[in-house]
Amino acid sequence: GVAPSSTVALLRVSDDLAEILTLGDSPVVVG
C-alpha cells in the first residue's frame, strides 16, 4: 500500500513453446 509498483511483461521461448505473461498495462503482441 505504500510501496512502488510495476507492470510486468514476460516472454519465454523454448524449443516448442512461446509463453507470455502480462500484469498491468504493458501489452504483448503476438504475430
PDB file of all heavy atoms in Angstrom:
ATOM      1  N   GLY A   1       0.787  -1.220   0.000  1.00  0.00           N
ATOM      2  CA  GLY A   1       0.000   0.000   0.000  1.00  0.00           C
ATOM      3  C   GLY A   1       0.818   1.268   0.000  1.00  0.00           C
ATOM      4  O   GLY A   1       0.326   2.321  -0.413  1.00  0.00           O
ATOM      5  N   VAL A   2       2.071   1.197   0.437  1.00  0.00           N
ATOM      6  CA  VAL A   2       2.948   2.369   0.431  1.00  0.00           C
ATOM      7  C   VAL A   2       4.269   2.026  -0.263  1.00  0.00           C
ATOM      8  O   VAL A   2       5.317   2.593   0.051  1.00  0.00           O
ATOM      9  CB  VAL A   2       3.199   2.889   1.864  1.00  0.00           C
ATOM     10  CG1 VAL A   2       1.952   3.494   2.439  1.00  0.00           C
ATOM     11  CG2 VAL A   2       3.733   1.775   2.765  1.00  0.00           C
ATOM     12  N   ALA A   3       4.200   1.098  -1.183  1.00  0.00           N
ATOM     13  CA  ALA A   3       5.389   0.647  -1.905  1.00  0.00           C
ATOM     14  C   ALA A   3       5.256   1.003  -3.379  1.00  0.00           C
ATOM     15  O   ALA A   3       4.150   1.170  -3.896  1.00  0.00           O
ATOM     16  CB  ALA A   3       5.553  -0.866  -1.754  1.00  0.00           C
ATOM     17  N   PRO A   4       6.381   1.113  -4.087  1.00  0.00           N
ATOM     18  CA  PRO A   4       6.320   1.289  -5.539  1.00  0.00           C
ATOM     19  C   PRO A   4       5.708   0.056  -6.185  1.00  0.00           C
ATOM     20  O   PRO A   4       5.603  -1.013  -5.567  1.00  0.00           O
ATOM     21  CB  PRO A   4       7.787   1.449  -5.948  1.00  0.00           C
ATOM     22  CG  PRO A   4       8.532   1.698  -4.688  1.00  0.00           C
ATOM     23  CD  PRO A   4       7.748   1.058  -3.592  1.00  0.00           C
ATOM     24  N   SER A   5       5.318   0.189  -7.440  1.00  0.00           N
ATOM     25  CA  SER A   5       4.759  -0.946  -8.167  1.00  0.00           C
ATOM     26  C   SER A   5       5.261  -0.896  -9.607  1.00  0.00           C
ATOM     27  O   SER A   5       5.859   0.096 -10.035  1.00  0.00           O
ATOM     28  CB  SER A   5       3.224  -0.921  -8.139  1.00  0.00           C
ATOM     29  OG  SER A   5       2.731   0.248  -8.769  1.00  0.00           O
ATOM     30  N   SER A   6       5.009  -1.977 -10.333  1.00  0.00           N
ATOM     31  CA  SER A   6       5.484  -2.046 -11.717  1.00  0.00           C
ATOM     32  C   SER A   6       4.610  -2.996 -12.520  1.00  0.00           C
ATOM     33  O   SER A   6       4.143  -4.014 -12.013  1.00  0.00           O
ATOM     34  CB  SER A   6       6.939  -2.545 -11.756  1.00  0.00           C
ATOM     35  OG  SER A   6       7.395  -2.669 -13.097  1.00  0.00           O
ATOM     36  N   THR A   7       4.410  -2.649 -13.780  1.00  0.00           N
ATOM     37  CA  THR A   7       3.838  -3.611 -14.709  1.00  0.00           C
ATOM     38  C   THR A   7       4.904  -4.653 -15.026  1.00  0.00           C
ATOM     39  O   THR A   7       6.108  -4.420 -14.850  1.00  0.00           O
ATOM     40  CB  THR A   7       3.381  -2.952 -16.019  1.00  0.00           C
ATOM     41  OG1 THR A   7       4.531  -2.536 -16.770  1.00  0.00           O
ATOM     42  CG2 THR A   7       2.491  -1.747 -15.755  1.00  0.00           C
ATOM     43  N   VAL A   8       4.466  -5.797 -15.511  1.00  0.00           N
ATOM     44  CA  VAL A   8       5.390  -6.868 -15.899  1.00  0.00           C
ATOM     45  C   VAL A   8       4.907  -7.466 -17.216  1.00  0.00           C
ATOM     46  O   VAL A   8       3.727  -7.805 -17.351  1.00  0.00           O
ATOM     47  CB  VAL A   8       5.446  -7.984 -14.835  1.00  0.00           C
ATOM     48  CG1 VAL A   8       6.415  -9.083 -15.266  1.00  0.00           C
ATOM     49  CG2 VAL A   8       5.846  -7.433 -13.474  1.00  0.00           C
ATOM     50  N   ALA A   9       5.800  -7.578 -18.182  1.00  0.00           N
ATOM     51  CA  ALA A   9       5.503  -8.286 -19.428  1.00  0.00           C
ATOM     52  C   ALA A   9       6.655  -9.257 -19.671  1.00  0.00           C
ATOM     53  O   ALA A   9       7.809  -8.838 -19.806  1.00  0.00           O
ATOM     54  CB  ALA A   9       5.359  -7.323 -20.600  1.00  0.00           C
ATOM     55  N   LEU A  10       6.338 -10.544 -19.705  1.00  0.00           N
ATOM     56  CA  LEU A  10       7.362 -11.579 -19.850  1.00  0.00           C
ATOM     57  C   LEU A  10       7.123 -12.403 -21.106  1.00  0.00           C
ATOM     58  O   LEU A  10       5.979 -12.722 -21.446  1.00  0.00           O
ATOM     59  CB  LEU A  10       7.349 -12.525 -18.645  1.00  0.00           C
ATOM     60  CG  LEU A  10       7.611 -11.931 -17.260  1.00  0.00           C
ATOM     61  CD1 LEU A  10       7.519 -13.025 -16.199  1.00  0.00           C
ATOM     62  CD2 LEU A  10       8.973 -11.252 -17.203  1.00  0.00           C
ATOM     63  N   LEU A  11       8.203 -12.757 -21.762  1.00  0.00           N
ATOM     64  CA  LEU A  11       8.177 -13.703 -22.878  1.00  0.00           C
ATOM     65  C   LEU A  11       9.284 -14.711 -22.638  1.00  0.00           C
ATOM     66  O   LEU A  11      10.441 -14.342 -22.420  1.00  0.00           O
ATOM     67  CB  LEU A  11       8.419 -12.985 -24.214  1.00  0.00           C
ATOM     68  CG  LEU A  11       8.732 -13.894 -25.415  1.00  0.00           C
ATOM     69  CD1 LEU A  11       7.519 -14.738 -25.789  1.00  0.00           C
ATOM     70  CD2 LEU A  11       9.217 -13.066 -26.610  1.00  0.00           C
ATOM     71  N   ARG A  12       8.916 -15.995 -22.675  1.00  0.00           N
ATOM     72  CA  ARG A  12       9.916 -17.060 -22.578  1.00  0.00           C
ATOM     73  C   ARG A  12       9.697 -18.003 -23.750  1.00  0.00           C
ATOM     74  O   ARG A  12       8.589 -18.502 -23.975  1.00  0.00           O
ATOM     75  CB  ARG A  12       9.804 -17.814 -21.259  1.00  0.00           C
ATOM     76  CG  ARG A  12      10.880 -18.887 -21.103  1.00  0.00           C
ATOM     77  CD  ARG A  12      10.893 -19.484 -19.702  1.00  0.00           C
ATOM     78  NE  ARG A  12       9.640 -20.172 -19.397  1.00  0.00           N
ATOM     79  CZ  ARG A  12       9.357 -20.710 -18.209  1.00  0.00           C
ATOM     80  NH1 ARG A  12      10.225 -20.618 -17.205  1.00  0.00           N
ATOM     81  NH2 ARG A  12       8.214 -21.315 -18.008  1.00  0.00           N
ATOM     82  N   VAL A  13      10.780 -18.242 -24.479  1.00  0.00           N
ATOM     83  CA  VAL A  13      10.709 -19.078 -25.689  1.00  0.00           C
ATOM     84  C   VAL A  13      11.529 -20.340 -25.472  1.00  0.00           C
ATOM     85  O   VAL A  13      12.702 -20.278 -25.073  1.00  0.00           O
ATOM     86  CB  VAL A  13      11.237 -18.315 -26.917  1.00  0.00           C
ATOM     87  CG1 VAL A  13      11.239 -19.214 -28.150  1.00  0.00           C
ATOM     88  CG2 VAL A  13      10.392 -17.067 -27.173  1.00  0.00           C
ATOM     89  N   SER A  14      10.914 -21.485 -25.732  1.00  0.00           N
ATOM     90  CA  SER A  14      11.610 -22.769 -25.678  1.00  0.00           C
ATOM     91  C   SER A  14      11.567 -23.391 -27.072  1.00  0.00           C
ATOM     92  O   SER A  14      11.112 -22.772 -28.038  1.00  0.00           O
ATOM     93  CB  SER A  14      10.959 -23.690 -24.648  1.00  0.00           C
ATOM     94  OG  SER A  14       9.619 -23.981 -25.015  1.00  0.00           O
ATOM     95  N   ASP A  15      12.037 -24.623 -27.187  1.00  0.00           N
ATOM     96  CA  ASP A  15      12.063 -25.277 -28.495  1.00  0.00           C
ATOM     97  C   ASP A  15      10.674 -25.448 -29.097  1.00  0.00           C
ATOM     98  O   ASP A  15      10.521 -25.465 -30.317  1.00  0.00           O
ATOM     99  CB  ASP A  15      12.734 -26.652 -28.385  1.00  0.00           C
ATOM    100  CG  ASP A  15      14.217 -26.549 -28.102  1.00  0.00           C
ATOM    101  OD1 ASP A  15      14.799 -25.479 -28.393  1.00  0.00           O
ATOM    102  OD2 ASP A  15      14.795 -27.516 -27.588  1.00  0.00           O
ATOM    103  N   ASP A  16       9.657 -25.579 -28.234  1.00  0.00           N
ATOM    104  CA  ASP A  16       8.331 -25.869 -28.769  1.00  0.00           C
ATOM    105  C   ASP A  16       7.235 -24.906 -28.320  1.00  0.00           C
ATOM    106  O   ASP A  16       6.088 -25.043 -28.734  1.00  0.00           O
ATOM    107  CB  ASP A  16       7.908 -27.296 -28.382  1.00  0.00           C
ATOM    108  CG  ASP A  16       7.943 -27.530 -26.868  1.00  0.00           C
ATOM    109  OD1 ASP A  16       8.335 -26.603 -26.132  1.00  0.00           O
ATOM    110  OD2 ASP A  16       7.582 -28.642 -26.446  1.00  0.00           O
ATOM    111  N   LEU A  17       7.583 -23.893 -27.505  1.00  0.00           N
ATOM    112  CA  LEU A  17       6.527 -23.068 -26.930  1.00  0.00           C
ATOM    113  C   LEU A  17       6.997 -21.625 -26.735  1.00  0.00           C
ATOM    114  O   LEU A  17       8.148 -21.377 -26.358  1.00  0.00           O
ATOM    115  CB  LEU A  17       6.123 -23.653 -25.577  1.00  0.00           C
ATOM    116  CG  LEU A  17       4.747 -23.322 -25.016  1.00  0.00           C
ATOM    117  CD1 LEU A  17       3.649 -23.868 -25.934  1.00  0.00           C
ATOM    118  CD2 LEU A  17       4.597 -23.927 -23.619  1.00  0.00           C
ATOM    119  N   ALA A  18       6.086 -20.677 -26.984  1.00  0.00           N
ATOM    120  CA  ALA A  18       6.280 -19.267 -26.619  1.00  0.00           C
ATOM    121  C   ALA A  18       5.297 -18.963 -25.498  1.00  0.00           C
ATOM    122  O   ALA A  18       4.081 -19.056 -25.695  1.00  0.00           O
ATOM    123  CB  ALA A  18       6.040 -18.350 -27.804  1.00  0.00           C
ATOM    124  N   GLU A  19       5.816 -18.643 -24.316  1.00  0.00           N
ATOM    125  CA  GLU A  19       4.983 -18.386 -23.149  1.00  0.00           C
ATOM    126  C   GLU A  19       4.981 -16.889 -22.833  1.00  0.00           C
ATOM    127  O   GLU A  19       6.031 -16.241 -22.870  1.00  0.00           O
ATOM    128  CB  GLU A  19       5.519 -19.146 -21.941  1.00  0.00           C
ATOM    129  CG  GLU A  19       5.560 -20.648 -22.111  1.00  0.00           C
ATOM    130  CD  GLU A  19       6.326 -21.290 -20.972  1.00  0.00           C
ATOM    131  OE1 GLU A  19       5.697 -21.555 -19.930  1.00  0.00           O
ATOM    132  OE2 GLU A  19       7.544 -21.490 -21.125  1.00  0.00           O
ATOM    133  N   ILE A  20       3.798 -16.361 -22.490  1.00  0.00           N
ATOM    134  CA  ILE A  20       3.636 -14.926 -22.270  1.00  0.00           C
ATOM    135  C   ILE A  20       2.916 -14.701 -20.953  1.00  0.00           C
ATOM    136  O   ILE A  20       1.982 -15.436 -20.605  1.00  0.00           O
ATOM    137  CB  ILE A  20       2.836 -14.294 -23.424  1.00  0.00           C
ATOM    138  CG1 ILE A  20       3.667 -14.334 -24.704  1.00  0.00           C
ATOM    139  CG2 ILE A  20       2.411 -12.864 -23.111  1.00  0.00           C
ATOM    140  CD1 ILE A  20       2.857 -14.216 -25.953  1.00  0.00           C
ATOM    141  N   LEU A  21       3.356 -13.684 -20.228  1.00  0.00           N
ATOM    142  CA  LEU A  21       2.668 -13.244 -19.018  1.00  0.00           C
ATOM    143  C   LEU A  21       2.654 -11.724 -19.027  1.00  0.00           C
ATOM    144  O   LEU A  21       3.675 -11.084 -19.329  1.00  0.00           O
ATOM    145  CB  LEU A  21       3.383 -13.763 -17.768  1.00  0.00           C
ATOM    146  CG  LEU A  21       2.822 -13.335 -16.406  1.00  0.00           C
ATOM    147  CD1 LEU A  21       3.108 -14.418 -15.362  1.00  0.00           C
ATOM    148  CD2 LEU A  21       3.415 -11.999 -15.930  1.00  0.00           C
ATOM    149  N   THR A  22       1.513 -11.139 -18.704  1.00  0.00           N
ATOM    150  CA  THR A  22       1.451  -9.688 -18.562  1.00  0.00           C
ATOM    151  C   THR A  22       0.615  -9.328 -17.345  1.00  0.00           C
ATOM    152  O   THR A  22      -0.437  -9.909 -17.094  1.00  0.00           O
ATOM    153  CB  THR A  22       0.914  -9.011 -19.847  1.00  0.00           C
ATOM    154  OG1 THR A  22       0.937  -7.591 -19.682  1.00  0.00           O
ATOM    155  CG2 THR A  22      -0.483  -9.456 -20.165  1.00  0.00           C
ATOM    156  N   LEU A  23       1.137  -8.396 -16.569  1.00  0.00           N
ATOM    157  CA  LEU A  23       0.477  -7.914 -15.357  1.00  0.00           C
ATOM    158  C   LEU A  23       0.564  -6.393 -15.403  1.00  0.00           C
ATOM    159  O   LEU A  23       1.642  -5.823 -15.324  1.00  0.00           O
ATOM    160  CB  LEU A  23       1.188  -8.463 -14.118  1.00  0.00           C
ATOM    161  CG  LEU A  23       0.539  -8.207 -12.760  1.00  0.00           C
ATOM    162  CD1 LEU A  23      -0.803  -8.921 -12.644  1.00  0.00           C
ATOM    163  CD2 LEU A  23       1.462  -8.669 -11.630  1.00  0.00           C
ATOM    164  N   GLY A  24      -0.577  -5.728 -15.571  1.00  0.00           N
ATOM    165  CA  GLY A  24      -0.561  -4.297 -15.791  1.00  0.00           C
ATOM    166  C   GLY A  24      -0.684  -3.972 -17.266  1.00  0.00           C
ATOM    167  O   GLY A  24      -0.911  -4.849 -18.106  1.00  0.00           O
ATOM    168  N   ASP A  25      -0.531  -2.696 -17.604  1.00  0.00           N
ATOM    169  CA  ASP A  25      -0.916  -2.225 -18.941  1.00  0.00           C
ATOM    170  C   ASP A  25       0.215  -2.186 -19.962  1.00  0.00           C
ATOM    171  O   ASP A  25       0.216  -1.338 -20.858  1.00  0.00           O
ATOM    172  CB  ASP A  25      -1.578  -0.843 -18.845  1.00  0.00           C
ATOM    173  CG  ASP A  25      -0.697   0.179 -18.143  1.00  0.00           C
ATOM    174  OD1 ASP A  25       0.475  -0.136 -17.864  1.00  0.00           O
ATOM    175  OD2 ASP A  25      -1.189   1.296 -17.875  1.00  0.00           O
ATOM    176  N   SER A  26       1.181  -3.084 -19.855  1.00  0.00           N
ATOM    177  CA  SER A  26       2.210  -3.222 -20.887  1.00  0.00           C
ATOM    178  C   SER A  26       1.816  -4.369 -21.815  1.00  0.00           C
ATOM    179  O   SER A  26       1.866  -5.538 -21.416  1.00  0.00           O
ATOM    180  CB  SER A  26       3.588  -3.507 -20.267  1.00  0.00           C
ATOM    181  OG  SER A  26       4.041  -2.391 -19.532  1.00  0.00           O
ATOM    182  N   PRO A  27       1.401  -4.078 -23.051  1.00  0.00           N
ATOM    183  CA  PRO A  27       0.898  -5.134 -23.929  1.00  0.00           C
ATOM    184  C   PRO A  27       2.004  -6.005 -24.521  1.00  0.00           C
ATOM    185  O   PRO A  27       3.141  -5.565 -24.711  1.00  0.00           O
ATOM    186  CB  PRO A  27       0.195  -4.344 -25.044  1.00  0.00           C
ATOM    187  CG  PRO A  27       0.937  -3.048 -25.101  1.00  0.00           C
ATOM    188  CD  PRO A  27       1.335  -2.742 -23.679  1.00  0.00           C
ATOM    189  N   VAL A  28       1.635  -7.247 -24.820  1.00  0.00           N
ATOM    190  CA  VAL A  28       2.489  -8.160 -25.568  1.00  0.00           C
ATOM    191  C   VAL A  28       1.714  -8.548 -26.820  1.00  0.00           C
ATOM    192  O   VAL A  28       0.577  -9.028 -26.735  1.00  0.00           O
ATOM    193  CB  VAL A  28       2.849  -9.415 -24.755  1.00  0.00           C
ATOM    194  CG1 VAL A  28       3.738 -10.340 -25.577  1.00  0.00           C
ATOM    195  CG2 VAL A  28       3.532  -9.032 -23.448  1.00  0.00           C
ATOM    196  N   VAL A  29       2.307  -8.319 -27.978  1.00  0.00           N
ATOM    197  CA  VAL A  29       1.627  -8.548 -29.250  1.00  0.00           C
ATOM    198  C   VAL A  29       2.286  -9.724 -29.956  1.00  0.00           C
ATOM    199  O   VAL A  29       3.511  -9.735 -30.145  1.00  0.00           O
ATOM    200  CB  VAL A  29       1.681  -7.292 -30.142  1.00  0.00           C
ATOM    201  CG1 VAL A  29       0.807  -7.488 -31.392  1.00  0.00           C
ATOM    202  CG2 VAL A  29       1.236  -6.055 -29.365  1.00  0.00           C
ATOM    203  N   VAL A  30       1.475 -10.703 -30.331  1.00  0.00           N
ATOM    204  CA  VAL A  30       1.987 -11.942 -30.923  1.00  0.00           C
ATOM    205  C   VAL A  30       1.584 -12.012 -32.386  1.00  0.00           C
ATOM    206  O   VAL A  30       0.394 -12.081 -32.719  1.00  0.00           O
ATOM    207  CB  VAL A  30       1.432 -13.172 -30.170  1.00  0.00           C
ATOM    208  CG1 VAL A  30       2.001 -14.459 -30.770  1.00  0.00           C
ATOM    209  CG2 VAL A  30       1.762 -13.088 -28.679  1.00  0.00           C
ATOM    210  N   GLY A  31       2.571 -11.961 -33.261  1.00  0.00           N
ATOM    211  CA  GLY A  31       2.320 -12.116 -34.689  1.00  0.00           C
ATOM    212  C   GLY A  31       2.215 -13.591 -35.036  1.00  0.00           C
ATOM    213  O   GLY A  31       3.150 -14.354 -34.814  1.00  0.00           O
TER     214      GLY A  31
END
